[in-house]
Amino acid sequence: MGRGKIVIRRIDNSTSRQVTFSKRRNGLLKKAKELAILCDAEVGVMIFSSTGKLYDFSNSSMKSVIERYNKTKEEHLQLANPNSEVKFWQREATMLQQQLESLQGNHRKMMGEELSGLSVKDLQNLESQLEMSLRGVRTKKEELLLSEIQELSRTGNLIQQENLKLHKKLNLVRQENMELQKKLYGSSEVNGANRSSFLANGTGDDSNAPICLQLCQPQQEDRETTGRATKIRRLELA
């Protein structure tokens, strides 16, 4: 069976009322803490018991929560009235102008300007701030330089590895070239030796050897002999 519905009204029994107050108070404070953690909210809870005892919880500061509440409530009231809204924005503009002037003054002091009105303690504080800023700048600079050095070292290692790979490939190509040259010159020497042996022995069948043909002119003496024989034959017939 489920729990019965509880009537929301004042508990007459003082003991039961105190026990219920303690339980509900602890549960309310627990829920407020969980809400602040889970939802990243600024929570402030104040509880006064019937005897006037205060119980409160705030995840930041109860004073800041109350100030923020009062400021927000005032803004809502001012926005509801047009004249109040104009005054509100005028105050906001004035406040922002003051903040801007303050920041500009601090910047000039950081740059070493308008230091005549500062006391020794103010100058010491300014010096400490500058030293802290300088340390932060140097630390950031060292981090960037170290990162660049590591990146350059990594790039150099990659280039060196690529260079070694290319050198190995070049050596392999050279070896293959030398082996091809050895095979080529070795076959040429064998063919030359076989051709010399063929010419020396006068035998052999070299079907690939070129055949040279030469046309010779008839000699003058053969022409004269042929002419004389023709004349003698004519005389005999006559």
Protein backbone atom coordinates (compact mmCIF):
# COMPACT_ATOMS: atom_id res chain seq x y z
CA MET A 1 0.00 0.00 0.00
CA GLY A 2 1.18 3.51 -0.77
CA ARG A 3 1.55 6.23 1.74
CA GLY A 4 -1.57 8.07 2.63
CA LYS A 5 -2.02 11.70 1.68
CA ILE A 6 -0.84 14.03 4.43
CA VAL A 7 -2.99 17.04 5.16
CA ILE A 8 -0.86 20.19 5.04
CA ARG A 9 -1.73 22.04 8.20
CA ARG A 10 -0.13 23.06 11.44
CA ILE A 11 0.83 20.14 13.68
CA ASP A 12 -0.75 20.61 17.07
CA ASN A 13 1.60 18.29 18.98
CA SER A 14 4.76 20.28 19.76
CA THR A 15 6.99 17.17 19.86
CA SER A 16 5.77 15.91 16.50
CA ARG A 17 6.03 19.42 15.14
CA GLN A 18 9.68 19.69 16.22
CA VAL A 19 10.55 16.27 14.77
CA THR A 20 8.87 17.12 11.47
CA PHE A 21 10.65 20.48 11.37
CA SER A 22 14.04 18.84 11.85
CA LYS A 23 13.39 16.24 9.14
CA ARG A 24 11.94 18.68 6.62
CA ARG A 25 14.67 21.26 7.34
CA ASN A 26 17.47 18.75 6.74
CA GLY A 27 15.77 17.55 3.55
CA LEU A 28 15.33 21.12 2.30
CA LEU A 29 18.98 22.01 2.94
CA LYS A 30 20.10 18.78 1.25
CA LYS A 31 17.98 19.51 -1.84
CA ALA A 32 19.37 23.06 -1.98
CA LYS A 33 22.95 21.73 -1.89
CA GLU A 34 22.21 19.18 -4.61
CA LEU A 35 20.59 21.86 -6.76
CA ALA A 36 23.65 24.10 -6.45
CA ILE A 37 26.05 21.28 -7.39
CA LEU A 38 24.04 19.65 -10.18
CA CYS A 39 22.81 22.82 -11.91
CA ASP A 40 25.67 25.22 -11.11
CA ALA A 41 23.19 27.59 -9.54
CA GLU A 42 23.71 30.19 -6.84
CA VAL A 43 21.46 29.07 -3.99
CA GLY A 44 20.73 30.65 -0.65
CA VAL A 45 18.26 29.27 1.90
CA MET A 46 17.30 30.84 5.23
CA ILE A 47 15.04 29.12 7.77
CA PHE A 48 13.82 30.51 11.08
CA SER A 49 12.29 28.07 13.53
CA SER A 50 9.27 28.86 15.67
CA THR A 51 11.65 29.70 18.48
CA GLY A 52 13.55 32.21 16.29
CA LYS A 53 16.62 30.04 15.61
CA LEU A 54 18.27 30.61 12.22
CA TYR A 55 19.30 27.84 9.85
CA ASP A 56 20.81 28.80 6.50
CA PHE A 57 22.73 27.41 3.52
CA SER A 58 24.59 29.14 0.68
CA ASN A 59 26.97 27.66 -1.86
CA SER A 60 28.81 30.98 -2.24
CA SER A 61 28.05 33.68 0.35
CA MET A 62 24.73 34.52 1.92
CA LYS A 63 25.59 38.22 1.79
CA SER A 64 26.31 38.13 -1.96
CA VAL A 65 23.13 36.14 -2.56
CA ILE A 66 21.04 38.73 -0.66
CA GLU A 67 22.73 41.64 -2.48
CA ARG A 68 22.11 39.99 -5.82
CA TYR A 69 18.51 39.33 -4.90
CA ASN A 70 17.93 42.95 -3.87
CA LYS A 71 19.62 44.26 -7.01
CA THR A 72 17.62 41.97 -9.28
CA LYS A 73 14.39 42.85 -7.55
CA GLU A 74 15.14 46.55 -7.89
CA GLU A 75 15.93 46.12 -11.58
CA HIS A 76 12.64 44.37 -12.18
CA LEU A 77 10.77 47.15 -10.41
CA GLN A 78 12.61 49.79 -12.42
CA LEU A 79 12.00 48.06 -15.73
CA ALA A 80 8.30 48.02 -14.99
CA ASN A 81 8.31 51.85 -14.99
CA PRO A 82 9.56 53.63 -18.18
CA ASN A 83 11.00 56.58 -16.26
CA SER A 84 12.74 54.23 -13.85
CA GLU A 85 14.11 52.24 -16.80
CA VAL A 86 15.77 55.36 -18.24
CA LYS A 87 17.31 56.16 -14.88
CA PHE A 88 18.48 52.57 -14.53
CA TRP A 89 20.29 52.62 -17.87
CA GLN A 90 21.78 56.02 -17.06
CA ARG A 91 23.20 54.61 -13.85
CA GLU A 92 24.52 51.60 -15.74
CA ALA A 93 26.20 53.86 -18.30
CA THR A 94 27.74 55.98 -15.54
CA MET A 95 29.02 52.90 -13.74
CA LEU A 96 30.52 51.48 -16.94
CA GLN A 97 32.17 54.83 -17.68
CA GLN A 98 33.75 54.83 -14.22
CA GLN A 99 34.99 51.27 -14.71
CA LEU A 100 36.48 52.23 -18.07
CA GLU A 101 38.29 55.23 -16.58
CA SER A 102 39.60 53.06 -13.76
CA LEU A 103 40.91 50.45 -16.20
CA GLN A 104 42.53 53.11 -18.36
CA GLY A 105 44.21 54.59 -15.30
CA ASN A 106 45.54 51.17 -14.26
CA HIS A 107 46.81 50.60 -17.80
CA ARG A 108 48.69 53.91 -17.79
CA LYS A 109 50.23 53.02 -14.45
CA MET A 110 51.28 49.64 -15.80
CA MET A 111 52.98 51.47 -18.67
CA GLY A 112 54.91 53.65 -16.19
CA GLU A 113 52.80 56.78 -16.65
CA GLU A 114 51.09 59.02 -14.08
CA LEU A 115 53.04 57.65 -11.12
CA SER A 116 53.51 60.98 -9.34
CA GLY A 117 50.43 60.60 -7.14
CA LEU A 118 51.28 57.08 -5.91
CA SER A 119 52.74 56.31 -2.49
CA VAL A 120 55.63 53.96 -1.83
CA LYS A 121 53.22 51.15 -0.92
CA ASP A 122 51.27 51.67 -4.13
CA LEU A 123 54.48 51.59 -6.14
CA GLN A 124 55.54 48.37 -4.41
CA ASN A 125 52.17 46.78 -5.21
CA LEU A 126 52.48 47.93 -8.82
CA GLU A 127 55.99 46.50 -9.00
CA SER A 128 54.76 43.16 -7.62
CA GLN A 129 51.98 43.05 -10.20
CA LEU A 130 54.42 43.79 -13.00
CA GLU A 131 56.80 41.09 -11.78
CA MET A 132 53.98 38.55 -11.62
CA SER A 133 52.87 39.54 -15.12
CA LEU A 134 56.45 39.29 -16.38
CA ARG A 135 56.83 35.83 -14.87
CA GLY A 136 53.62 34.75 -16.53
CA VAL A 137 54.80 36.10 -19.88
CA ARG A 138 58.16 34.35 -19.57
CA THR A 139 56.52 31.08 -18.59
CA LYS A 140 54.19 31.25 -21.59
CA LYS A 141 57.12 32.13 -23.84
CA GLU A 142 59.16 29.17 -22.58
CA GLU A 143 56.19 26.84 -23.15
CA LEU A 144 55.80 28.07 -26.74
CA LEU A 145 59.53 27.79 -27.47
CA LEU A 146 59.68 24.30 -25.98
CA SER A 147 56.69 23.26 -28.06
CA GLU A 148 58.32 24.64 -31.23
CA ILE A 149 61.61 22.87 -30.42
CA GLN A 150 59.82 19.57 -29.92
CA GLU A 151 57.93 20.02 -33.19
CA LEU A 152 61.15 20.85 -35.07
CA SER A 153 62.90 17.85 -33.52
CA ARG A 154 60.05 15.57 -34.55
CA THR A 155 60.12 16.99 -38.08
CA GLY A 156 63.91 16.52 -38.23
CA ASN A 157 63.59 12.88 -37.19
CA LEU A 158 61.00 12.26 -39.88
CA ILE A 159 63.21 13.89 -42.52
CA GLN A 160 66.19 11.83 -41.38
CA GLN A 161 64.18 8.62 -41.65
CA GLU A 162 63.03 9.58 -45.15
CA ASN A 163 66.64 10.33 -46.08
CA LEU A 164 67.75 6.89 -44.89
CA LYS A 165 64.98 5.22 -46.89
CA LEU A 166 65.95 7.13 -50.04
CA HIS A 167 69.63 6.24 -49.50
CA LYS A 168 68.75 2.55 -49.24
CA LYS A 169 66.68 2.76 -52.43
CA LEU A 170 69.59 4.47 -54.20
CA ASN A 171 71.99 1.71 -53.15
CA LEU A 172 69.55 -0.95 -54.43
CA VAL A 173 69.26 0.84 -57.78
CA ARG A 174 73.05 1.06 -58.05
CA GLN A 175 73.42 -2.64 -57.31
CA GLU A 176 70.80 -3.55 -59.91
CA ASN A 177 72.54 -1.30 -62.45
CA MET A 178 75.89 -2.97 -61.78
CA GLU A 179 74.37 -6.44 -62.17
CA LEU A 180 72.77 -5.44 -65.49
CA GLN A 181 76.09 -4.05 -66.74
CA LYS A 182 77.87 -7.27 -65.77
CA LYS A 183 75.31 -9.36 -67.63
CA LEU A 184 75.48 -7.13 -70.71
CA TYR A 185 79.27 -7.01 -70.97
CA GLY A 186 79.56 -10.70 -70.11
CA SER A 187 77.28 -11.73 -73.02
CA SER A 188 79.18 -9.41 -75.40
CA GLU A 189 82.51 -11.03 -74.52
CA VAL A 190 81.07 -14.53 -75.09
CA ASN A 191 79.73 -13.57 -78.53
CA GLY A 192 83.10 -12.04 -79.51
CA ALA A 193 84.96 -15.18 -78.46
CA ASN A 194 82.60 -17.44 -80.48
CA ARG A 195 82.99 -15.25 -83.58
CA SER A 196 86.80 -15.39 -83.36
CA SER A 197 86.71 -19.19 -83.05
CA PHE A 198 84.49 -19.45 -86.16
CA LEU A 199 86.81 -17.34 -88.29
CA ALA A 200 89.88 -19.27 -87.16
CA ASN A 201 88.44 -22.75 -87.90
CA GLY A 202 86.56 -21.81 -91.05
CA THR A 203 83.58 -23.83 -89.92
CA GLY A 204 80.48 -23.15 -88.08
CA ASP A 205 77.04 -21.95 -88.77
CA ASP A 206 76.38 -18.39 -87.89
CA SER A 207 72.97 -17.67 -89.30
CA ASN A 208 72.93 -14.28 -87.63
CA ALA A 209 76.22 -13.16 -89.24
CA PRO A 210 75.75 -10.59 -92.05
CA ILE A 211 76.56 -11.61 -95.67
CA CYS A 212 78.65 -9.13 -97.65
CA LEU A 213 78.33 -9.05 -101.43
CA GLN A 214 80.78 -7.11 -103.61
CA LEU A 215 80.54 -6.35 -107.34
CA CYS A 216 83.91 -6.30 -109.18
CA GLN A 217 84.59 -4.42 -112.43
CA PRO A 218 85.93 -6.56 -115.39
CA GLN A 219 89.58 -6.10 -116.09
CA GLN A 220 90.87 -4.31 -119.21
CA GLU A 221 92.98 -7.33 -120.28
CA ASP A 222 89.91 -9.58 -120.55
CA ARG A 223 88.25 -7.08 -122.85
CA GLU A 224 91.25 -7.02 -125.24
CA THR A 225 91.43 -10.84 -125.40
CA THR A 226 87.78 -11.08 -126.26
CA GLY A 227 88.17 -8.52 -129.05
CA ARG A 228 91.08 -10.39 -130.72
CA ALA A 229 89.24 -13.71 -130.67
CA THR A 230 86.31 -12.07 -132.44
CA LYS A 231 88.51 -10.66 -135.22
CA ILE A 232 90.25 -14.05 -135.89
CA ARG A 233 86.89 -15.77 -136.15
CA ARG A 234 85.71 -13.27 -138.75
CA LEU A 235 88.86 -13.74 -140.91
CA GLU A 236 88.48 -17.49 -140.95
CA LEU A 237 84.89 -17.25 -142.10
CA ALA A 238 85.87 -14.89 -144.86
